[in-house]
N, C-alpha and C. Protein backbone atom coordinates (compact mmCIF):
# COMPACT_ATOMS: atom_id res chain seq x y z
N MET A 1 9.50 7.19 5.94
CA MET A 1 9.69 5.95 5.85
C MET A 1 8.49 5.27 6.80
N ARG A 2 8.25 5.86 7.82
CA ARG A 2 7.11 5.23 8.65
C ARG A 2 5.76 5.14 8.13
N ARG A 3 5.51 6.00 7.24
CA ARG A 3 4.10 5.91 6.52
C ARG A 3 4.26 4.98 5.34
N LEU A 4 5.27 4.77 4.70
CA LEU A 4 5.59 3.38 3.59
C LEU A 4 5.42 1.88 4.58
N ARG A 5 6.09 2.00 5.95
CA ARG A 5 5.77 0.75 6.54
C ARG A 5 4.42 0.53 6.71
N GLU A 6 3.61 1.61 7.18
CA GLU A 6 2.48 1.36 7.50
C GLU A 6 1.45 0.87 6.48
N GLU A 7 1.72 1.40 5.21
CA GLU A 7 0.96 1.30 4.08
C GLU A 7 1.27 -0.17 3.85
N HIS A 8 2.53 -0.69 4.05
CA HIS A 8 2.69 -2.07 3.53
C HIS A 8 2.00 -3.03 4.52
N ARG A 9 1.85 -2.75 6.10
CA ARG A 9 0.96 -3.49 6.77
C ARG A 9 -0.36 -3.59 6.32
N VAL A 10 -0.91 -2.28 5.94
CA VAL A 10 -2.44 -2.06 5.38
C VAL A 10 -2.44 -3.27 4.07
N VAL A 11 -1.70 -3.13 3.42
CA VAL A 11 -1.59 -3.83 1.93
C VAL A 11 -1.57 -5.34 2.43
N ALA A 12 -0.72 -5.56 3.37
CA ALA A 12 -0.65 -6.95 3.77
C ALA A 12 -1.82 -7.75 4.50
N GLY A 13 -2.63 -6.70 5.32
CA GLY A 13 -3.87 -7.10 5.84
C GLY A 13 -4.72 -7.44 4.77
N VAL A 14 -4.78 -6.45 3.91
CA VAL A 14 -6.17 -6.59 2.59
C VAL A 14 -5.65 -7.98 1.75
N ILE A 15 -4.57 -8.30 1.72
CA ILE A 15 -4.14 -9.55 0.99
C ILE A 15 -4.71 -10.74 1.96
N ALA A 16 -4.41 -10.52 3.25
CA ALA A 16 -4.83 -11.64 4.13
C ALA A 16 -6.25 -12.07 3.90
N GLU A 17 -6.92 -10.79 4.07
CA GLU A 17 -8.62 -10.74 4.01
C GLU A 17 -9.02 -11.34 2.61
N ILE A 18 -8.07 -11.31 1.55
CA ILE A 18 -8.62 -11.75 0.39
C ILE A 18 -8.28 -13.18 0.27
N ALA A 19 -7.46 -13.58 0.67
CA ALA A 19 -7.12 -14.95 0.74
C ALA A 19 -8.18 -15.66 1.50
N ALA A 20 -8.72 -15.20 2.80
CA ALA A 20 -9.58 -15.53 3.69
C ALA A 20 -11.19 -15.59 2.84
N LEU A 21 -11.28 -14.93 1.78
CA LEU A 21 -12.84 -15.02 0.98
C LEU A 21 -12.44 -15.72 -0.12
N SER A 22 -11.33 -16.26 -0.51
CA SER A 22 -11.40 -16.76 -1.83
C SER A 22 -12.34 -17.51 -2.26
N GLY A 23 -13.23 -18.26 -1.59
CA GLY A 23 -14.19 -19.10 -1.58
C GLY A 23 -15.68 -18.31 -1.77
N ASP A 24 -15.40 -17.10 -1.77
CA ASP A 24 -16.82 -16.35 -1.56
C ASP A 24 -16.81 -15.10 -2.76
N PRO A 25 -16.97 -15.47 -3.94
CA PRO A 25 -16.87 -14.48 -4.99
C PRO A 25 -17.85 -12.98 -4.70
N GLU A 26 -18.75 -13.12 -3.94
CA GLU A 26 -19.61 -12.12 -3.80
C GLU A 26 -19.10 -11.02 -3.00
N ARG A 27 -18.11 -11.50 -2.04
CA ARG A 27 -17.42 -10.69 -0.86
C ARG A 27 -16.14 -10.56 -1.44
N LEU A 28 -15.58 -11.23 -2.55
CA LEU A 28 -14.15 -11.07 -2.80
C LEU A 28 -14.09 -9.98 -3.78
N ARG A 29 -15.02 -9.70 -4.62
CA ARG A 29 -14.93 -8.74 -5.74
C ARG A 29 -14.59 -7.07 -4.98
N PRO A 30 -15.30 -6.76 -3.94
CA PRO A 30 -14.99 -5.55 -3.18
C PRO A 30 -13.85 -5.42 -2.62
N GLU A 31 -13.33 -6.83 -2.07
CA GLU A 31 -11.83 -6.60 -1.54
C GLU A 31 -10.91 -6.51 -2.43
N LEU A 32 -11.01 -7.13 -3.75
CA LEU A 32 -10.13 -6.73 -4.66
C LEU A 32 -9.82 -5.06 -4.90
N ASP A 33 -11.18 -4.85 -5.19
CA ASP A 33 -11.30 -3.35 -5.77
C ASP A 33 -10.63 -2.62 -4.65
N ARG A 34 -10.86 -2.66 -3.31
CA ARG A 34 -9.91 -2.12 -2.38
C ARG A 34 -8.59 -2.13 -2.37
N LEU A 35 -8.24 -3.83 -2.56
CA LEU A 35 -6.77 -3.59 -2.70
C LEU A 35 -5.99 -2.98 -4.09
N GLU A 36 -6.79 -2.71 -4.72
CA GLU A 36 -6.53 -1.84 -6.03
C GLU A 36 -6.13 -0.78 -5.91
N GLU A 37 -7.20 0.03 -5.17
CA GLU A 37 -7.17 1.64 -4.65
C GLU A 37 -6.03 1.69 -3.89
N ARG A 38 -5.79 0.75 -2.88
CA ARG A 38 -4.77 1.11 -2.07
C ARG A 38 -3.46 0.90 -2.50
N LEU A 39 -3.14 -0.02 -3.45
CA LEU A 39 -1.94 -0.38 -4.28
C LEU A 39 -1.80 0.81 -4.89
N GLU A 40 -2.42 1.28 -5.81
CA GLU A 40 -2.41 2.65 -6.44
C GLU A 40 -1.92 3.90 -5.86
N ALA A 41 -2.44 4.13 -4.74
CA ALA A 41 -2.19 5.10 -3.71
C ALA A 41 -0.82 4.86 -3.10
N HIS A 42 -0.61 3.98 -2.89
CA HIS A 42 0.79 3.43 -2.31
C HIS A 42 1.82 3.50 -3.53
N TYR A 43 1.66 3.29 -4.56
CA TYR A 43 2.55 3.42 -5.39
C TYR A 43 2.72 4.73 -5.80
N ALA A 44 1.60 5.52 -6.01
CA ALA A 44 2.12 6.82 -6.22
C ALA A 44 2.85 7.59 -5.16
N TYR A 45 2.53 7.35 -3.83
CA TYR A 45 3.27 8.06 -2.90
C TYR A 45 4.57 7.40 -3.14
N GLU A 46 5.21 6.36 -3.05
CA GLU A 46 6.38 6.02 -3.46
C GLU A 46 7.12 6.68 -4.56
N GLU A 47 6.23 6.55 -5.50
CA GLU A 47 7.14 7.39 -6.77
C GLU A 47 7.40 8.79 -6.58
N GLU A 48 6.44 9.51 -6.20
CA GLU A 48 6.40 10.91 -5.52
C GLU A 48 7.60 11.27 -4.45
N HIS A 49 7.76 10.35 -3.58
CA HIS A 49 8.72 10.46 -2.53
C HIS A 49 10.23 9.68 -2.51
N LEU A 50 10.03 8.53 -3.54
CA LEU A 50 11.34 7.87 -3.51
C LEU A 50 11.90 7.80 -5.01
N GLY A 51 11.00 8.27 -5.84
CA GLY A 51 11.66 8.09 -7.19
C GLY A 51 12.09 9.24 -7.74
């Protein structure tokens, strides 16, 4: 559970960064890609350990 809580904090941080960059498309795309990677890894971990 500790790892899941930490991952949720990381994802929340990335989402906050994306919100701050919403007016800067050149910087926004890499952050969206980073969020996608983090979420995919997070969901895979959840499915493996909780599902």
